PDB file of N, CA and C in Angstrom:
ATOM      1  N   MET A   1      -3.495   5.401 -69.515  1.00  0.00           N
ATOM      2  CA  MET A   1      -3.288   6.389 -70.557  1.00  0.00           C
ATOM      3  C   MET A   1      -2.244   5.864 -71.557  1.00  0.00           C
ATOM      4  N   MET A   2      -2.427   6.181 -72.794  1.00  0.00           N
ATOM      5  CA  MET A   2      -1.571   5.660 -73.858  1.00  0.00           C
ATOM      6  C   MET A   2      -0.111   6.098 -73.691  1.00  0.00           C
ATOM      7  N   VAL A   3       0.141   7.313 -73.276  1.00  0.00           N
ATOM      8  CA  VAL A   3       1.514   7.790 -73.096  1.00  0.00           C
ATOM      9  C   VAL A   3       2.229   6.954 -72.050  1.00  0.00           C
ATOM     10  N   ASP A   4       1.565   6.699 -70.932  1.00  0.00           N
ATOM     11  CA  ASP A   4       2.168   5.886 -69.869  1.00  0.00           C
ATOM     12  C   ASP A   4       2.482   4.484 -70.380  1.00  0.00           C
ATOM     13  N   TYR A   5       1.559   3.903 -71.121  1.00  0.00           N
ATOM     14  CA  TYR A   5       1.775   2.569 -71.679  1.00  0.00           C
ATOM     15  C   TYR A   5       2.998   2.547 -72.596  1.00  0.00           C
ATOM     16  N   LEU A   6       3.095   3.500 -73.487  1.00  0.00           N
ATOM     17  CA  LEU A   6       4.227   3.549 -74.420  1.00  0.00           C
ATOM     18  C   LEU A   6       5.547   3.715 -73.680  1.00  0.00           C
ATOM     19  N   GLN A   7       5.568   4.550 -72.665  1.00  0.00           N
ATOM     20  CA  GLN A   7       6.792   4.750 -71.898  1.00  0.00           C
ATOM     21  C   GLN A   7       7.167   3.492 -71.117  1.00  0.00           C
ATOM     22  N   ARG A   8       6.183   2.792 -70.549  1.00  0.00           N
ATOM     23  CA  ARG A   8       6.460   1.523 -69.862  1.00  0.00           C
ATOM     24  C   ARG A   8       7.034   0.488 -70.817  1.00  0.00           C
ATOM     25  N   GLU A   9       6.612   0.549 -72.087  1.00  0.00           N
ATOM     26  CA  GLU A   9       7.091  -0.402 -73.084  1.00  0.00           C
ATOM     27  C   GLU A   9       8.453  -0.010 -73.660  1.00  0.00           C
ATOM     28  N   GLY A  10       9.026   1.072 -73.166  1.00  0.00           N
ATOM     29  CA  GLY A  10      10.371   1.460 -73.589  1.00  0.00           C
ATOM     30  C   GLY A  10      10.425   2.414 -74.765  1.00  0.00           C
ATOM     31  N   ILE A  11       9.304   2.982 -75.147  1.00  0.00           N
ATOM     32  CA  ILE A  11       9.294   3.978 -76.211  1.00  0.00           C
ATOM     33  C   ILE A  11       9.677   5.298 -75.555  1.00  0.00           C
ATOM     34  N   GLY A  12      10.871   5.757 -75.824  1.00  0.00           N
ATOM     35  CA  GLY A  12      11.391   6.924 -75.112  1.00  0.00           C
ATOM     36  C   GLY A  12      10.944   8.262 -75.655  1.00  0.00           C
ATOM     37  N   ALA A  13      10.812   8.392 -76.958  1.00  0.00           N
ATOM     38  CA  ALA A  13      10.504   9.685 -77.564  1.00  0.00           C
ATOM     39  C   ALA A  13       8.998   9.838 -77.756  1.00  0.00           C
ATOM     40  N   VAL A  14       8.283   9.985 -76.641  1.00  0.00           N
ATOM     41  CA  VAL A  14       6.834  10.130 -76.700  1.00  0.00           C
ATOM     42  C   VAL A  14       6.482  11.568 -76.319  1.00  0.00           C
ATOM     43  N   GLN A  15       5.731  12.212 -77.186  1.00  0.00           N
ATOM     44  CA  GLN A  15       5.249  13.555 -76.908  1.00  0.00           C
ATOM     45  C   GLN A  15       3.733  13.541 -76.952  1.00  0.00           C
ATOM     46  N   ARG A  16       3.124  14.378 -76.166  1.00  0.00           N
ATOM     47  CA  ARG A  16       1.664  14.472 -76.196  1.00  0.00           C
ATOM     48  C   ARG A  16       1.251  15.917 -76.392  1.00  0.00           C
ATOM     49  N   TYR A  17       0.103  16.060 -76.995  1.00  0.00           N
ATOM     50  CA  TYR A  17      -0.469  17.385 -77.192  1.00  0.00           C
ATOM     51  C   TYR A  17      -1.839  17.412 -76.537  1.00  0.00           C
ATOM     52  N   VAL A  18      -2.019  18.374 -75.643  1.00  0.00           N
ATOM     53  CA  VAL A  18      -3.298  18.580 -74.989  1.00  0.00           C
ATOM     54  C   VAL A  18      -3.614  20.065 -75.139  1.00  0.00           C
ATOM     55  N   GLY A  19      -4.645  20.376 -75.882  1.00  0.00           N
ATOM     56  CA  GLY A  19      -4.947  21.745 -76.238  1.00  0.00           C
ATOM     57  C   GLY A  19      -5.134  22.699 -75.079  1.00  0.00           C
ATOM     58  N   ASP A  20      -5.707  22.243 -73.981  1.00  0.00           N
ATOM     59  CA  ASP A  20      -5.968  23.149 -72.862  1.00  0.00           C
ATOM     60  C   ASP A  20      -4.974  22.971 -71.712  1.00  0.00           C
ATOM     61  N   SER A  21      -3.774  22.479 -72.029  1.00  0.00           N
ATOM     62  CA  SER A  21      -2.742  22.252 -71.013  1.00  0.00           C
ATOM     63  C   SER A  21      -1.593  23.249 -71.167  1.00  0.00           C
ATOM     64  N   LYS A  22      -1.068  23.715 -70.054  1.00  0.00           N
ATOM     65  CA  LYS A  22       0.112  24.584 -70.088  1.00  0.00           C
ATOM     66  C   LYS A  22       1.367  23.788 -70.423  1.00  0.00           C
ATOM     67  N   HIS A  23       1.393  22.507 -70.066  1.00  0.00           N
ATOM     68  CA  HIS A  23       2.599  21.690 -70.191  1.00  0.00           C
ATOM     69  C   HIS A  23       2.707  20.918 -71.501  1.00  0.00           C
ATOM     70  N   PHE A  24       1.612  20.656 -72.168  1.00  0.00           N
ATOM     71  CA  PHE A  24       1.640  19.780 -73.348  1.00  0.00           C
ATOM     72  C   PHE A  24       1.057  20.455 -74.589  1.00  0.00           C
ATOM     73  N   ARG A  25       1.437  21.715 -74.821  1.00  0.00           N
ATOM     74  CA  ARG A  25       0.917  22.436 -75.980  1.00  0.00           C
ATOM     75  C   ARG A  25       1.931  22.542 -77.110  1.00  0.00           C
ATOM     76  N   THR A  26       3.166  22.119 -76.900  1.00  0.00           N
ATOM     77  CA  THR A  26       4.199  22.212 -77.928  1.00  0.00           C
ATOM     78  C   THR A  26       4.662  20.812 -78.309  1.00  0.00           C
ATOM     79  N   VAL A  27       4.697  20.548 -79.608  1.00  0.00           N
ATOM     80  CA  VAL A  27       5.168  19.263 -80.110  1.00  0.00           C
ATOM     81  C   VAL A  27       6.298  19.534 -81.091  1.00  0.00           C
ATOM     82  N   ASP A  28       7.405  18.815 -80.918  1.00  0.00           N
ATOM     83  CA  ASP A  28       8.572  18.962 -81.790  1.00  0.00           C
ATOM     84  C   ASP A  28       8.466  17.967 -82.937  1.00  0.00           C
ATOM     85  N   PHE A  29       8.148  18.465 -84.128  1.00  0.00           N
ATOM     86  CA  PHE A  29       8.021  17.595 -85.294  1.00  0.00           C
ATOM     87  C   PHE A  29       9.351  17.404 -86.014  1.00  0.00           C
ATOM     88  N   ALA A  30      10.400  18.096 -85.591  1.00  0.00           N
ATOM     89  CA  ALA A  30      11.696  18.012 -86.262  1.00  0.00           C
ATOM     90  C   ALA A  30      12.426  16.706 -85.941  1.00  0.00           C
ATOM     91  N   ASN A  31      12.120  16.109 -84.812  1.00  0.00           N
ATOM     92  CA  ASN A  31      12.808  14.885 -84.392  1.00  0.00           C
ATOM     93  C   ASN A  31      11.860  13.695 -84.457  1.00  0.00           C
ATOM     94  N   PRO A  32      12.416  12.497 -84.735  1.00  0.00           N
ATOM     95  CA  PRO A  32      11.567  11.303 -84.785  1.00  0.00           C
ATOM     96  C   PRO A  32      10.995  10.977 -83.410  1.00  0.00           C
ATOM     97  N   GLY A  33       9.886  10.280 -83.422  1.00  0.00           N
ATOM     98  CA  GLY A  33       9.279   9.866 -82.172  1.00  0.00           C
ATOM     99  C   GLY A  33       7.795   9.631 -82.343  1.00  0.00           C
ATOM    100  N   VAL A  34       7.159   9.345 -81.232  1.00  0.00           N
ATOM    101  CA  VAL A  34       5.725   9.079 -81.200  1.00  0.00           C
ATOM    102  C   VAL A  34       5.036  10.313 -80.642  1.00  0.00           C
ATOM    103  N   ARG A  35       3.972  10.719 -81.308  1.00  0.00           N
ATOM    104  CA  ARG A  35       3.170  11.835 -80.831  1.00  0.00           C
ATOM    105  C   ARG A  35       1.765  11.332 -80.535  1.00  0.00           C
ATOM    106  N   VAL A  36       1.240  11.718 -79.392  1.00  0.00           N
ATOM    107  CA  VAL A  36      -0.090  11.287 -78.981  1.00  0.00           C
ATOM    108  C   VAL A  36      -0.993  12.520 -78.961  1.00  0.00           C
ATOM    109  N   PHE A  37      -2.072  12.438 -79.749  1.00  0.00           N
ATOM    110  CA  PHE A  37      -3.037  13.528 -79.856  1.00  0.00           C
ATOM    111  C   PHE A  37      -4.420  12.990 -79.515  1.00  0.00           C
ATOM    112  N   SER A  38      -5.276  13.883 -79.083  1.00  0.00           N
ATOM    113  CA  SER A  38      -6.675  13.505 -78.916  1.00  0.00           C
ATOM    114  C   SER A  38      -7.338  13.551 -80.281  1.00  0.00           C
ATOM    115  N   THR A  39      -8.495  12.971 -80.389  1.00  0.00           N
ATOM    116  CA  THR A  39      -9.197  12.985 -81.669  1.00  0.00           C
ATOM    117  C   THR A  39      -9.563  14.399 -82.091  1.00  0.00           C
ATOM    118  N   PHE A  40      -9.670  15.305 -81.151  1.00  0.00           N
ATOM    119  CA  PHE A  40     -10.065  16.673 -81.467  1.00  0.00           C
ATOM    120  C   PHE A  40      -8.886  17.539 -81.903  1.00  0.00           C
ATOM    121  N   SER A  41      -7.668  17.022 -81.800  1.00  0.00           N
ATOM    122  CA  SER A  41      -6.480  17.802 -82.138  1.00  0.00           C
ATOM    123  C   SER A  41      -5.830  17.377 -83.447  1.00  0.00           C
ATOM    124  N   MET A  42      -6.433  16.479 -84.180  1.00  0.00           N
ATOM    125  CA  MET A  42      -5.792  15.891 -85.362  1.00  0.00           C
ATOM    126  C   MET A  42      -6.052  16.626 -86.665  1.00  0.00           C
ATOM    127  N   LYS A  43      -7.103  17.394 -86.731  1.00  0.00           N
ATOM    128  CA  LYS A  43      -7.499  18.024 -87.988  1.00  0.00           C
ATOM    129  C   LYS A  43      -6.370  18.893 -88.536  1.00  0.00           C
ATOM    130  N   GLY A  44      -6.056  18.683 -89.806  1.00  0.00           N
ATOM    131  CA  GLY A  44      -5.027  19.479 -90.473  1.00  0.00           C
ATOM    132  C   GLY A  44      -3.611  18.942 -90.336  1.00  0.00           C
ATOM    133  N   LEU A  45      -3.401  17.902 -89.566  1.00  0.00           N
ATOM    134  CA  LEU A  45      -2.067  17.333 -89.379  1.00  0.00           C
ATOM    135  C   LEU A  45      -1.884  16.108 -90.260  1.00  0.00           C
ATOM    136  N   GLU A  46      -0.623  15.788 -90.592  1.00  0.00           N
ATOM    137  CA  GLU A  46      -0.290  14.566 -91.329  1.00  0.00           C
ATOM    138  C   GLU A  46       0.871  13.870 -90.654  1.00  0.00           C
ATOM    139  N   PHE A  47       0.849  12.536 -90.720  1.00  0.00           N
ATOM    140  CA  PHE A  47       1.896  11.720 -90.121  1.00  0.00           C
ATOM    141  C   PHE A  47       2.227  10.578 -91.070  1.00  0.00           C
ATOM    142  N   ASP A  48       3.429  10.052 -90.977  1.00  0.00           N
ATOM    143  CA  ASP A  48       3.787   8.889 -91.787  1.00  0.00           C
ATOM    144  C   ASP A  48       2.903   7.708 -91.429  1.00  0.00           C
ATOM    145  N   THR A  49       2.740   7.470 -90.141  1.00  0.00           N
ATOM    146  CA  THR A  49       1.952   6.336 -89.651  1.00  0.00           C
ATOM    147  C   THR A  49       1.003   6.826 -88.570  1.00  0.00           C
ATOM    148  N   VAL A  50      -0.220   6.334 -88.609  1.00  0.00           N
ATOM    149  CA  VAL A  50      -1.215   6.682 -87.600  1.00  0.00           C
ATOM    150  C   VAL A  50      -1.753   5.389 -86.989  1.00  0.00           C
ATOM    151  N   PHE A  51      -1.832   5.369 -85.665  1.00  0.00           N
ATOM    152  CA  PHE A  51      -2.412   4.260 -84.924  1.00  0.00           C
ATOM    153  C   PHE A  51      -3.686   4.748 -84.255  1.00  0.00           C
ATOM    154  N   LEU A  52      -4.758   4.022 -84.439  1.00  0.00           N
ATOM    155  CA  LEU A  52      -6.011   4.308 -83.747  1.00  0.00           C
ATOM    156  C   LEU A  52      -6.246   3.141 -82.785  1.00  0.00           C
ATOM    157  N   PRO A  53      -5.754   3.263 -81.555  1.00  0.00           N
ATOM    158  CA  PRO A  53      -5.819   2.149 -80.604  1.00  0.00           C
ATOM    159  C   PRO A  53      -7.119   2.132 -79.812  1.00  0.00           C
ATOM    160  N   GLN A  54      -7.356   1.010 -79.165  1.00  0.00           N
ATOM    161  CA  GLN A  54      -8.433   0.823 -78.204  1.00  0.00           C
ATOM    162  C   GLN A  54      -9.813   1.166 -78.778  1.00  0.00           C
ATOM    163  N   LEU A  55     -10.042   0.741 -80.008  1.00  0.00           N
ATOM    164  CA  LEU A  55     -11.335   1.035 -80.634  1.00  0.00           C
ATOM    165  C   LEU A  55     -12.499   0.356 -79.914  1.00  0.00           C
ATOM    166  N   GLU A  56     -12.203  -0.652 -79.101  1.00  0.00           N
ATOM    167  CA  GLU A  56     -13.269  -1.306 -78.338  1.00  0.00           C
ATOM    168  C   GLU A  56     -13.869  -0.354 -77.293  1.00  0.00           C
ATOM    169  N   LEU A  57     -13.165   0.706 -76.964  1.00  0.00           N
ATOM    170  CA  LEU A  57     -13.660   1.673 -75.986  1.00  0.00           C
ATOM    171  C   LEU A  57     -14.590   2.713 -76.601  1.00  0.00           C
ATOM    172  N   HIS A  58     -14.638   2.771 -77.925  1.00  0.00           N
ATOM    173  CA  HIS A  58     -15.508   3.725 -78.596  1.00  0.00           C
ATOM    174  C   HIS A  58     -16.959   3.275 -78.444  1.00  0.00           C
ATOM    175  N   GLU A  59     -17.758   4.123 -77.848  1.00  0.00           N
ATOM    176  CA  GLU A  59     -19.145   3.749 -77.567  1.00  0.00           C
ATOM    177  C   GLU A  59     -20.155   4.499 -78.416  1.00  0.00           C
ATOM    178  N   GLY A  60     -19.696   5.412 -79.244  1.00  0.00           N
ATOM    179  CA  GLY A  60     -20.625   6.202 -80.048  1.00  0.00           C
ATOM    180  C   GLY A  60     -21.281   5.387 -81.154  1.00  0.00           C
ATOM    181  N   ASP A  61     -22.375   5.887 -81.632  1.00  0.00           N
ATOM    182  CA  ASP A  61     -23.103   5.264 -82.726  1.00  0.00           C
ATOM    183  C   ASP A  61     -22.328   5.493 -84.024  1.00  0.00           C
ATOM    184  N   PRO A  62     -21.832   4.431 -84.662  1.00  0.00           N
ATOM    185  CA  PRO A  62     -21.014   4.599 -85.866  1.00  0.00           C
ATOM    186  C   PRO A  62     -21.783   5.116 -87.074  1.00  0.00           C
ATOM    187  N   THR A  63     -23.098   5.178 -86.976  1.00  0.00           N
ATOM    188  CA  THR A  63     -23.876   5.689 -88.101  1.00  0.00           C
ATOM    189  C   THR A  63     -24.142   7.193 -87.992  1.00  0.00           C
ATOM    190  N   ARG A  64     -23.832   7.788 -86.859  1.00  0.00           N
ATOM    191  CA  ARG A  64     -24.045   9.230 -86.684  1.00  0.00           C
ATOM    192  C   ARG A  64     -23.038  10.014 -87.516  1.00  0.00           C
ATOM    193  N   ALA A  65     -23.485  11.107 -88.081  1.00  0.00           N
ATOM    194  CA  ALA A  65     -22.622  11.929 -88.930  1.00  0.00           C
ATOM    195  C   ALA A  65     -21.387  12.429 -88.186  1.00  0.00           C
ATOM    196  N   ILE A  66     -21.538  12.859 -86.946  1.00  0.00           N
ATOM    197  CA  ILE A  66     -20.403  13.384 -86.184  1.00  0.00           C
ATOM    198  C   ILE A  66     -19.352  12.306 -85.945  1.00  0.00           C
ATOM    199  N   THR A  67     -19.792  11.087 -85.675  1.00  0.00           N
ATOM    200  CA  THR A  67     -18.858   9.973 -85.465  1.00  0.00           C
ATOM    201  C   THR A  67     -18.135   9.647 -86.759  1.00  0.00           C
ATOM    202  N   ARG A  68     -18.871   9.575 -87.846  1.00  0.00           N
ATOM    203  CA  ARG A  68     -18.266   9.269 -89.149  1.00  0.00           C
ATOM    204  C   ARG A  68     -17.280  10.357 -89.553  1.00  0.00           C
ATOM    205  N   MET A  69     -17.599  11.613 -89.297  1.00  0.00           N
ATOM    206  CA  MET A  69     -16.691  12.715 -89.627  1.00  0.00           C
ATOM    207  C   MET A  69     -15.418  12.641 -88.785  1.00  0.00           C
ATOM    208  N   ARG A  70     -15.568  12.350 -87.503  1.00  0.00           N
ATOM    209  CA  ARG A  70     -14.402  12.267 -86.617  1.00  0.00           C
ATOM    210  C   ARG A  70     -13.461  11.152 -87.068  1.00  0.00           C
ATOM    211  N   PHE A  71     -14.008   9.989 -87.387  1.00  0.00           N
ATOM    212  CA  PHE A  71     -13.158   8.885 -87.820  1.00  0.00           C
ATOM    213  C   PHE A  71     -12.604   9.115 -89.219  1.00  0.00           C
ATOM    214  N   TYR A  72     -13.303   9.853 -90.036  1.00  0.00           N
ATOM    215  CA  TYR A  72     -12.766  10.240 -91.340  1.00  0.00           C
ATOM    216  C   TYR A  72     -11.520  11.101 -91.136  1.00  0.00           C
ATOM    217  N   VAL A  73     -11.619  12.100 -90.277  1.00  0.00           N
ATOM    218  CA  VAL A  73     -10.467  12.964 -89.994  1.00  0.00           C
ATOM    219  C   VAL A  73      -9.305  12.134 -89.469  1.00  0.00           C
ATOM    220  N   LEU A  74      -9.567  11.252 -88.506  1.00  0.00           N
ATOM    221  CA  LEU A  74      -8.502  10.438 -87.923  1.00  0.00           C
ATOM    222  C   LEU A  74      -7.845   9.526 -88.954  1.00  0.00           C
ATOM    223  N   SER A  75      -8.646   8.884 -89.763  1.00  0.00           N
ATOM    224  CA  SER A  75      -8.096   7.889 -90.689  1.00  0.00           C
ATOM    225  C   SER A  75      -7.449   8.512 -91.924  1.00  0.00           C
ATOM    226  N   THR A  76      -7.634   9.784 -92.148  1.00  0.00           N
ATOM    227  CA  THR A  76      -6.998  10.422 -93.306  1.00  0.00           C
ATOM    228  C   THR A  76      -5.768  11.239 -92.920  1.00  0.00           C
ATOM    229  N   ARG A  77      -5.277  11.089 -91.722  1.00  0.00           N
ATOM    230  CA  ARG A  77      -4.076  11.810 -91.272  1.00  0.00           C
ATOM    231  C   ARG A  77      -2.793  11.098 -91.672  1.00  0.00           C
ATOM    232  N   SER A  78      -2.893   9.881 -92.118  1.00  0.00           N
ATOM    233  CA  SER A  78      -1.719   9.058 -92.425  1.00  0.00           C
ATOM    234  C   SER A  78      -1.287   9.212 -93.879  1.00  0.00           C
ATOM    235  N   ARG A  79       0.029   9.369 -94.072  1.00  0.00           N
ATOM    236  CA  ARG A  79       0.588   9.410 -95.434  1.00  0.00           C
ATOM    237  C   ARG A  79       0.907   8.008 -95.941  1.00  0.00           C
ATOM    238  N   ARG A  80       1.288   7.101 -95.050  1.00  0.00           N
ATOM    239  CA  ARG A  80       1.732   5.766 -95.489  1.00  0.00           C
ATOM    240  C   ARG A  80       0.955   4.615 -94.872  1.00  0.00           C
ATOM    241  N   GLU A  81       0.842   4.595 -93.555  1.00  0.00           N
ATOM    242  CA  GLU A  81       0.230   3.451 -92.880  1.00  0.00           C
ATOM    243  C   GLU A  81      -0.818   3.907 -91.879  1.00  0.00           C
ATOM    244  N   LEU A  82      -1.884   3.125 -91.817  1.00  0.00           N
ATOM    245  CA  LEU A  82      -2.955   3.367 -90.859  1.00  0.00           C
ATOM    246  C   LEU A  82      -3.228   2.051 -90.143  1.00  0.00           C
ATOM    247  N   HIS A  83      -3.196   2.084 -88.821  1.00  0.00           N
ATOM    248  CA  HIS A  83      -3.385   0.880 -88.014  1.00  0.00           C
ATOM    249  C   HIS A  83      -4.560   1.076 -87.056  1.00  0.00           C
ATOM    250  N   PHE A  84      -5.520   0.174 -87.137  1.00  0.00           N
ATOM    251  CA  PHE A  84      -6.632   0.128 -86.190  1.00  0.00           C
ATOM    252  C   PHE A  84      -6.327  -0.996 -85.210  1.00  0.00           C
ATOM    253  N   SER A  85      -6.647  -0.801 -83.933  1.00  0.00           N
ATOM    254  CA  SER A  85      -6.469  -1.918 -83.003  1.00  0.00           C
ATOM    255  C   SER A  85      -7.588  -1.929 -81.968  1.00  0.00           C
ATOM    256  N   TYR A  86      -7.896  -3.145 -81.536  1.00  0.00           N
ATOM    257  CA  TYR A  86      -8.890  -3.357 -80.499  1.00  0.00           C
ATOM    258  C   TYR A  86      -8.556  -4.674 -79.814  1.00  0.00           C
ATOM    259  N   ALA A  87      -9.063  -4.822 -78.589  1.00  0.00           N
ATOM    260  CA  ALA A  87      -8.687  -5.972 -77.774  1.00  0.00           C
ATOM    261  C   ALA A  87      -9.883  -6.845 -77.415  1.00  0.00           C
ATOM    262  N   ARG A  88     -10.785  -7.023 -78.334  1.00  0.00           N
ATOM    263  CA  ARG A  88     -11.925  -7.914 -78.126  1.00  0.00           C
ATOM    264  C   ARG A  88     -11.981  -8.898 -79.278  1.00  0.00           C
ATOM    265  N   GLU A  89     -12.640  -9.992 -79.046  1.00  0.00           N
ATOM    266  CA  GLU A  89     -12.828 -10.978 -80.111  1.00  0.00           C
ATOM    267  C   GLU A  89     -13.661 -10.397 -81.244  1.00  0.00           C
ATOM    268  N   GLN A  90     -14.727  -9.703 -80.877  1.00  0.00           N
ATOM    269  CA  GLN A  90     -15.639  -9.156 -81.872  1.00  0.00           C
ATOM    270  C   GLN A  90     -15.142  -7.789 -82.352  1.00  0.00           C
ATOM    271  N   GLU A  91     -15.216  -7.592 -83.642  1.00  0.00           N
ATOM    272  CA  GLU A  91     -14.813  -6.325 -84.226  1.00  0.00           C
ATOM    273  C   GLU A  91     -15.725  -5.202 -83.721  1.00  0.00           C
ATOM    274  N   PRO A  92     -15.149  -4.051 -83.321  1.00  0.00           N
ATOM    275  CA  PRO A  92     -15.985  -2.935 -82.866  1.00  0.00           C
ATOM    276  C   PRO A  92     -16.899  -2.436 -83.981  1.00  0.00           C
ATOM    277  N   ALA A  93     -18.050  -1.929 -83.595  1.00  0.00           N
ATOM    278  CA  ALA A  93     -19.027  -1.448 -84.571  1.00  0.00           C
ATOM    279  C   ALA A  93     -18.454  -0.358 -85.470  1.00  0.00           C
ATOM    280  N   ILE A  94     -17.537   0.431 -84.961  1.00  0.00           N
ATOM    281  CA  ILE A  94     -16.960   1.520 -85.752  1.00  0.00           C
ATOM    282  C   ILE A  94     -16.175   0.986 -86.954  1.00  0.00           C
ATOM    283  N   MET A  95     -15.785  -0.282 -86.919  1.00  0.00           N
ATOM    284  CA  MET A  95     -15.034  -0.891 -88.023  1.00  0.00           C
ATOM    285  C   MET A  95     -15.953  -1.399 -89.130  1.00  0.00           C
ATOM    286  N   ALA A  96     -17.240  -1.496 -88.850  1.00  0.00           N
ATOM    287  CA  ALA A  96     -18.187  -1.990 -89.857  1.00  0.00           C
ATOM    288  C   ALA A  96     -18.174  -1.067 -91.072  1.00  0.00           C
ATOM    289  N   GLY A  97     -18.240  -1.661 -92.212  1.00  0.00           N
ATOM    290  CA  GLY A  97     -18.275  -0.869 -93.440  1.00  0.00           C
ATOM    291  C   GLY A  97     -16.920  -0.631 -94.067  1.00  0.00           C
ATOM    292  N   ILE A  98     -15.850  -0.971 -93.356  1.00  0.00           N
ATOM    293  CA  ILE A  98     -14.523  -0.851 -93.957  1.00  0.00           C
ATOM    294  C   ILE A  98     -14.319  -2.080 -94.825  1.00  0.00           C
ATOM    295  N   PRO A  99     -14.028  -1.910 -96.104  1.00  0.00           N
ATOM    296  CA  PRO A  99     -13.905  -3.057 -97.004  1.00  0.00           C
ATOM    297  C   PRO A  99     -12.828  -4.047 -96.533  1.00  0.00           C
ATOM    298  N   GLU A 100     -13.166  -5.314 -96.551  1.00  0.00           N
ATOM    299  CA  GLU A 100     -12.240  -6.381 -96.130  1.00  0.00           C
ATOM    300  C   GLU A 100     -10.930  -6.334 -96.914  1.00  0.00           C
ATOM    301  N   ARG A 101     -10.985  -5.933 -98.181  1.00  0.00           N
ATOM    302  CA  ARG A 101      -9.793  -5.942 -99.026  1.00  0.00           C
ATOM    303  C   ARG A 101      -8.708  -4.989 -98.550  1.00  0.00           C
ATOM    304  N   ILE A 102      -9.072  -4.006 -97.717  1.00  0.00           N
ATOM    305  CA  ILE A 102      -8.038  -3.091 -97.241  1.00  0.00           C
ATOM    306  C   ILE A 102      -7.627  -3.356 -95.800  1.00  0.00           C
ATOM    307  N   LEU A 103      -8.257  -4.345 -95.176  1.00  0.00           N
ATOM    308  CA  LEU A 103      -7.912  -4.700 -93.805  1.00  0.00           C
ATOM    309  C   LEU A 103      -7.048  -5.951 -93.776  1.00  0.00           C
ATOM    310  N   ARG A 104      -6.134  -5.990 -92.856  1.00  0.00           N
ATOM    311  CA  ARG A 104      -5.317  -7.181 -92.640  1.00  0.00           C
ATOM    312  C   ARG A 104      -5.303  -7.446 -91.159  1.00  0.00           C
ATOM    313  N   GLU A 105      -5.659  -8.641 -90.774  1.00  0.00           N
ATOM    314  CA  GLU A 105      -5.725  -8.989 -89.361  1.00  0.00           C
ATOM    315  C   GLU A 105      -4.365  -9.497 -88.896  1.00  0.00           C
ATOM    316  N   ILE A 106      -3.911  -8.944 -87.804  1.00  0.00           N
ATOM    317  CA  ILE A 106      -2.652  -9.370 -87.185  1.00  0.00           C
ATOM    318  C   ILE A 106      -2.973  -9.768 -85.752  1.00  0.00           C
ATOM    319  N   ILE A 107      -2.643 -10.985 -85.425  1.00  0.00           N
ATOM    320  CA  ILE A 107      -2.944 -11.473 -84.081  1.00  0.00           C
ATOM    321  C   ILE A 107      -1.675 -11.515 -83.275  1.00  0.00           C
TER     322      ILE A 107
END
């Protein structure tokens, strides 16, 4: 899970939001830190920086309207920076169609 990974890496201020959980329904936006949301909890929120990790795990058809809408919502939540990441040599299908001029590869 992403929260566990971030905490193992020494990121101390990690909060998560899980809509159907008694324990993870409140997020403090007043203090700096990392917030982890599911793709279904992002609509209407804005952040300085958004990370979309582990895109290699996305198995949906990138041409389906529902998939395109979900990734549109995710990628438009950022005010300043948007980061896509994946851990395979080959770019995930969901990345197809993103203009090369706006992507920068970091190895």
